[in-house]
Amino acid sequence: MFVPMCYTTLCCTFCVITLCSLSCKVRLASLEVLCAMAHKLGEDFLPLLPETVPFLAELLEDEEEAVESQCQKAVQNLEEVLGEPLKKYF
């Protein structure tokens, strides 16, 4: 259940980045949903990292400073939930 939900959430961030048709609010909301899923799943979120990291990498270079900042917080949040640094995945 969480794998399709996670992927759909991540696709929202990617579509917005590539098409620039929606505001940064969608990207910010997607990051919030991603963090909520990680908190809910705990360490079970770890298998979702390989598909999550490319989206996070894009958001870390977002043109909107608010999105970039929120993504940095999301990465820190994921590190706390998973109990390991994510640098090796980037």
N, C-alpha and C. Protein backbone atom coordinates (compact mmCIF):
# COMPACT_ATOMS: atom_id res chain seq x y z
N MET A 1 0.80 -1.18 0.00
CA MET A 1 0.00 0.00 0.00
C MET A 1 0.86 1.27 0.00
N PHE A 2 1.93 1.26 0.79
CA PHE A 2 2.75 2.47 0.89
C PHE A 2 3.67 2.67 -0.31
N VAL A 3 4.04 1.60 -0.99
CA VAL A 3 4.93 1.75 -2.14
C VAL A 3 4.25 2.57 -3.25
N PRO A 4 3.03 2.22 -3.67
CA PRO A 4 2.39 3.05 -4.69
C PRO A 4 2.11 4.48 -4.20
N MET A 5 1.76 4.61 -2.93
CA MET A 5 1.48 5.94 -2.37
C MET A 5 2.74 6.79 -2.36
N CYS A 6 3.85 6.19 -1.96
CA CYS A 6 5.12 6.91 -1.93
C CYS A 6 5.52 7.33 -3.33
N TYR A 7 5.42 6.42 -4.26
CA TYR A 7 5.81 6.73 -5.64
C TYR A 7 4.93 7.82 -6.24
N THR A 8 3.64 7.75 -6.00
CA THR A 8 2.72 8.77 -6.50
C THR A 8 3.05 10.13 -5.91
N THR A 9 3.34 10.16 -4.62
CA THR A 9 3.72 11.42 -3.97
C THR A 9 4.99 11.97 -4.58
N LEU A 10 5.97 11.12 -4.80
CA LEU A 10 7.23 11.56 -5.39
C LEU A 10 7.04 12.04 -6.82
N CYS A 11 6.17 11.39 -7.55
CA CYS A 11 5.91 11.81 -8.93
C CYS A 11 5.29 13.21 -8.97
N CYS A 12 4.53 13.56 -7.96
CA CYS A 12 3.97 14.92 -7.90
C CYS A 12 5.09 15.95 -7.84
N THR A 13 6.14 15.67 -7.10
CA THR A 13 7.24 16.62 -7.01
C THR A 13 7.97 16.71 -8.34
N PHE A 14 8.15 15.58 -9.01
CA PHE A 14 8.88 15.56 -10.26
C PHE A 14 8.12 16.27 -11.36
N CYS A 15 6.83 15.99 -11.48
CA CYS A 15 6.01 16.62 -12.52
C CYS A 15 6.01 18.13 -12.35
N VAL A 16 5.94 18.58 -11.14
CA VAL A 16 5.92 20.02 -10.89
C VAL A 16 7.26 20.63 -11.26
N ILE A 17 8.34 19.94 -10.98
CA ILE A 17 9.67 20.47 -11.30
C ILE A 17 9.84 20.55 -12.82
N THR A 18 9.47 19.51 -13.52
CA THR A 18 9.73 19.48 -14.95
C THR A 18 8.75 20.34 -15.75
N LEU A 19 7.52 20.39 -15.32
CA LEU A 19 6.53 21.15 -16.07
C LEU A 19 6.35 22.57 -15.56
N CYS A 20 6.76 22.82 -14.34
CA CYS A 20 6.64 24.14 -13.71
C CYS A 20 5.21 24.69 -13.83
N SER A 21 4.23 23.81 -13.83
CA SER A 21 2.86 24.27 -14.00
C SER A 21 2.14 24.51 -12.67
N LEU A 22 2.69 24.00 -11.60
CA LEU A 22 2.06 24.18 -10.30
C LEU A 22 3.02 24.90 -9.36
N SER A 23 2.48 25.42 -8.31
CA SER A 23 3.29 26.19 -7.39
C SER A 23 4.17 25.31 -6.50
N CYS A 24 5.04 25.95 -5.79
CA CYS A 24 5.93 25.22 -4.88
C CYS A 24 5.14 24.61 -3.72
N LYS A 25 3.90 25.03 -3.54
CA LYS A 25 3.08 24.47 -2.46
C LYS A 25 2.88 22.97 -2.64
N VAL A 26 2.80 22.51 -3.87
CA VAL A 26 2.64 21.08 -4.14
C VAL A 26 3.91 20.34 -3.73
N ARG A 27 5.06 20.90 -4.06
CA ARG A 27 6.32 20.25 -3.69
C ARG A 27 6.48 20.23 -2.17
N LEU A 28 6.12 21.32 -1.52
CA LEU A 28 6.20 21.37 -0.06
C LEU A 28 5.26 20.35 0.58
N ALA A 29 4.05 20.27 0.07
CA ALA A 29 3.08 19.30 0.59
C ALA A 29 3.56 17.87 0.36
N SER A 30 4.18 17.63 -0.78
CA SER A 30 4.70 16.28 -1.07
C SER A 30 5.78 15.89 -0.07
N LEU A 31 6.62 16.84 0.29
CA LEU A 31 7.65 16.56 1.28
C LEU A 31 7.03 16.25 2.65
N GLU A 32 5.98 16.96 2.99
CA GLU A 32 5.29 16.70 4.26
C GLU A 32 4.68 15.30 4.26
N VAL A 33 4.06 14.92 3.15
CA VAL A 33 3.47 13.58 3.05
C VAL A 33 4.55 12.52 3.13
N LEU A 34 5.66 12.75 2.45
CA LEU A 34 6.77 11.81 2.48
C LEU A 34 7.28 11.60 3.91
N CYS A 35 7.45 12.68 4.65
CA CYS A 35 7.91 12.57 6.04
C CYS A 35 6.88 11.86 6.91
N ALA A 36 5.61 12.13 6.68
CA ALA A 36 4.57 11.45 7.45
C ALA A 36 4.58 9.95 7.18
N MET A 37 4.78 9.57 5.91
CA MET A 37 4.87 8.14 5.59
C MET A 37 6.07 7.51 6.26
N ALA A 38 7.19 8.22 6.25
CA ALA A 38 8.40 7.69 6.89
C ALA A 38 8.19 7.49 8.38
N HIS A 39 7.54 8.45 9.03
CA HIS A 39 7.25 8.31 10.46
C HIS A 39 6.32 7.13 10.72
N LYS A 40 5.35 6.96 9.86
CA LYS A 40 4.40 5.86 10.02
C LYS A 40 5.09 4.50 9.83
N LEU A 41 5.96 4.41 8.84
CA LEU A 41 6.61 3.14 8.52
C LEU A 41 7.85 2.87 9.35
N GLY A 42 8.50 3.92 9.84
CA GLY A 42 9.73 3.73 10.59
C GLY A 42 10.82 3.13 9.71
N GLU A 43 11.50 2.13 10.23
CA GLU A 43 12.58 1.49 9.48
C GLU A 43 12.07 0.74 8.24
N ASP A 44 10.78 0.46 8.19
CA ASP A 44 10.22 -0.19 7.01
C ASP A 44 10.21 0.73 5.79
N PHE A 45 10.54 2.01 6.00
CA PHE A 45 10.65 2.95 4.89
C PHE A 45 11.94 2.74 4.10
N LEU A 46 12.91 2.08 4.71
CA LEU A 46 14.23 1.88 4.10
C LEU A 46 14.17 1.31 2.67
N PRO A 47 13.34 0.31 2.37
CA PRO A 47 13.29 -0.20 0.99
C PRO A 47 12.77 0.83 -0.03
N LEU A 48 12.14 1.90 0.44
CA LEU A 48 11.63 2.92 -0.45
C LEU A 48 12.69 3.98 -0.80
N LEU A 49 13.81 3.94 -0.11
CA LEU A 49 14.85 4.95 -0.34
C LEU A 49 15.40 4.97 -1.77
N PRO A 50 15.66 3.82 -2.39
CA PRO A 50 16.22 3.88 -3.74
C PRO A 50 15.37 4.68 -4.73
N GLU A 51 14.06 4.62 -4.60
CA GLU A 51 13.23 5.41 -5.50
C GLU A 51 12.98 6.81 -4.97
N THR A 52 13.20 7.04 -3.69
CA THR A 52 12.97 8.35 -3.08
C THR A 52 14.13 9.30 -3.31
N VAL A 53 15.34 8.81 -3.24
CA VAL A 53 16.54 9.65 -3.30
C VAL A 53 16.63 10.50 -4.57
N PRO A 54 16.36 9.98 -5.76
CA PRO A 54 16.46 10.86 -6.94
C PRO A 54 15.52 12.07 -6.87
N PHE A 55 14.35 11.88 -6.32
CA PHE A 55 13.41 12.98 -6.17
C PHE A 55 13.93 14.00 -5.14
N LEU A 56 14.46 13.48 -4.04
CA LEU A 56 15.02 14.38 -3.03
C LEU A 56 16.21 15.15 -3.59
N ALA A 57 17.03 14.49 -4.38
CA ALA A 57 18.18 15.16 -4.98
C ALA A 57 17.74 16.34 -5.85
N GLU A 58 16.67 16.15 -6.61
CA GLU A 58 16.13 17.24 -7.43
C GLU A 58 15.61 18.37 -6.56
N LEU A 59 14.91 18.02 -5.51
CA LEU A 59 14.33 19.04 -4.64
C LEU A 59 15.39 19.80 -3.85
N LEU A 60 16.52 19.17 -3.59
CA LEU A 60 17.61 19.85 -2.90
C LEU A 60 18.23 20.95 -3.77
N GLU A 61 17.93 20.93 -5.06
CA GLU A 61 18.43 21.95 -5.98
C GLU A 61 17.27 22.76 -6.57
N ASP A 62 16.15 22.78 -5.88
CA ASP A 62 14.96 23.48 -6.37
C ASP A 62 15.23 24.98 -6.48
N GLU A 63 14.56 25.61 -7.42
CA GLU A 63 14.73 27.06 -7.62
C GLU A 63 14.09 27.87 -6.50
N GLU A 64 13.12 27.26 -5.80
CA GLU A 64 12.47 27.93 -4.67
C GLU A 64 13.24 27.61 -3.39
N GLU A 65 13.70 28.63 -2.72
CA GLU A 65 14.48 28.44 -1.50
C GLU A 65 13.69 27.70 -0.42
N ALA A 66 12.39 27.96 -0.35
CA ALA A 66 11.55 27.30 0.65
C ALA A 66 11.51 25.80 0.43
N VAL A 67 11.45 25.37 -0.81
CA VAL A 67 11.41 23.94 -1.13
C VAL A 67 12.76 23.31 -0.81
N GLU A 68 13.82 23.98 -1.19
CA GLU A 68 15.17 23.46 -0.92
C GLU A 68 15.38 23.30 0.59
N SER A 69 14.98 24.30 1.35
CA SER A 69 15.13 24.27 2.81
C SER A 69 14.28 23.16 3.43
N GLN A 70 13.05 23.03 2.96
CA GLN A 70 12.16 21.99 3.48
C GLN A 70 12.69 20.60 3.13
N CYS A 71 13.30 20.47 1.97
CA CYS A 71 13.87 19.19 1.58
C CYS A 71 15.05 18.82 2.47
N GLN A 72 15.87 19.80 2.81
CA GLN A 72 16.99 19.54 3.73
C GLN A 72 16.45 19.05 5.08
N LYS A 73 15.37 19.67 5.54
CA LYS A 73 14.75 19.23 6.80
C LYS A 73 14.17 17.83 6.65
N ALA A 74 13.59 17.55 5.49
CA ALA A 74 13.03 16.22 5.25
C ALA A 74 14.12 15.16 5.27
N VAL A 75 15.26 15.46 4.67
CA VAL A 75 16.38 14.51 4.69
C VAL A 75 16.83 14.26 6.13
N GLN A 76 16.94 15.32 6.92
CA GLN A 76 17.31 15.16 8.33
C GLN A 76 16.26 14.33 9.07
N ASN A 77 15.01 14.58 8.76
CA ASN A 77 13.91 13.84 9.37
C ASN A 77 14.01 12.36 9.02
N LEU A 78 14.27 12.06 7.76
CA LEU A 78 14.42 10.67 7.33
C LEU A 78 15.60 10.01 8.02
N GLU A 79 16.69 10.75 8.17
CA GLU A 79 17.86 10.20 8.85
C GLU A 79 17.52 9.84 10.29
N GLU A 80 16.74 10.68 10.96
CA GLU A 80 16.34 10.39 12.34
C GLU A 80 15.44 9.16 12.40
N VAL A 81 14.49 9.08 11.49
CA VAL A 81 13.55 7.96 11.48
C VAL A 81 14.28 6.65 11.17
N LEU A 82 15.18 6.68 10.20
CA LEU A 82 15.86 5.47 9.76
C LEU A 82 17.09 5.13 10.59
N GLY A 83 17.59 6.12 11.32
CA GLY A 83 18.73 5.87 12.18
C GLY A 83 20.06 5.75 11.46
N GLU A 84 20.15 6.31 10.27
CA GLU A 84 21.40 6.28 9.53
C GLU A 84 21.48 7.48 8.58
N PRO A 85 22.70 7.92 8.27
CA PRO A 85 22.85 9.04 7.34
C PRO A 85 22.48 8.62 5.92
N LEU A 86 21.93 9.56 5.17
CA LEU A 86 21.50 9.27 3.81
C LEU A 86 22.51 9.69 2.77
N LYS A 87 23.63 10.27 3.17
CA LYS A 87 24.63 10.76 2.22
C LYS A 87 25.09 9.67 1.25
N LYS A 88 25.17 8.44 1.72
CA LYS A 88 25.65 7.36 0.85
C LYS A 88 24.67 7.03 -0.27
N TYR A 89 23.43 7.49 -0.15
CA TYR A 89 22.43 7.24 -1.19
C TYR A 89 22.41 8.30 -2.27
N PHE A 90 23.05 9.44 -2.03
CA PHE A 90 23.04 10.54 -2.99
C PHE A 90 24.24 10.46 -3.91
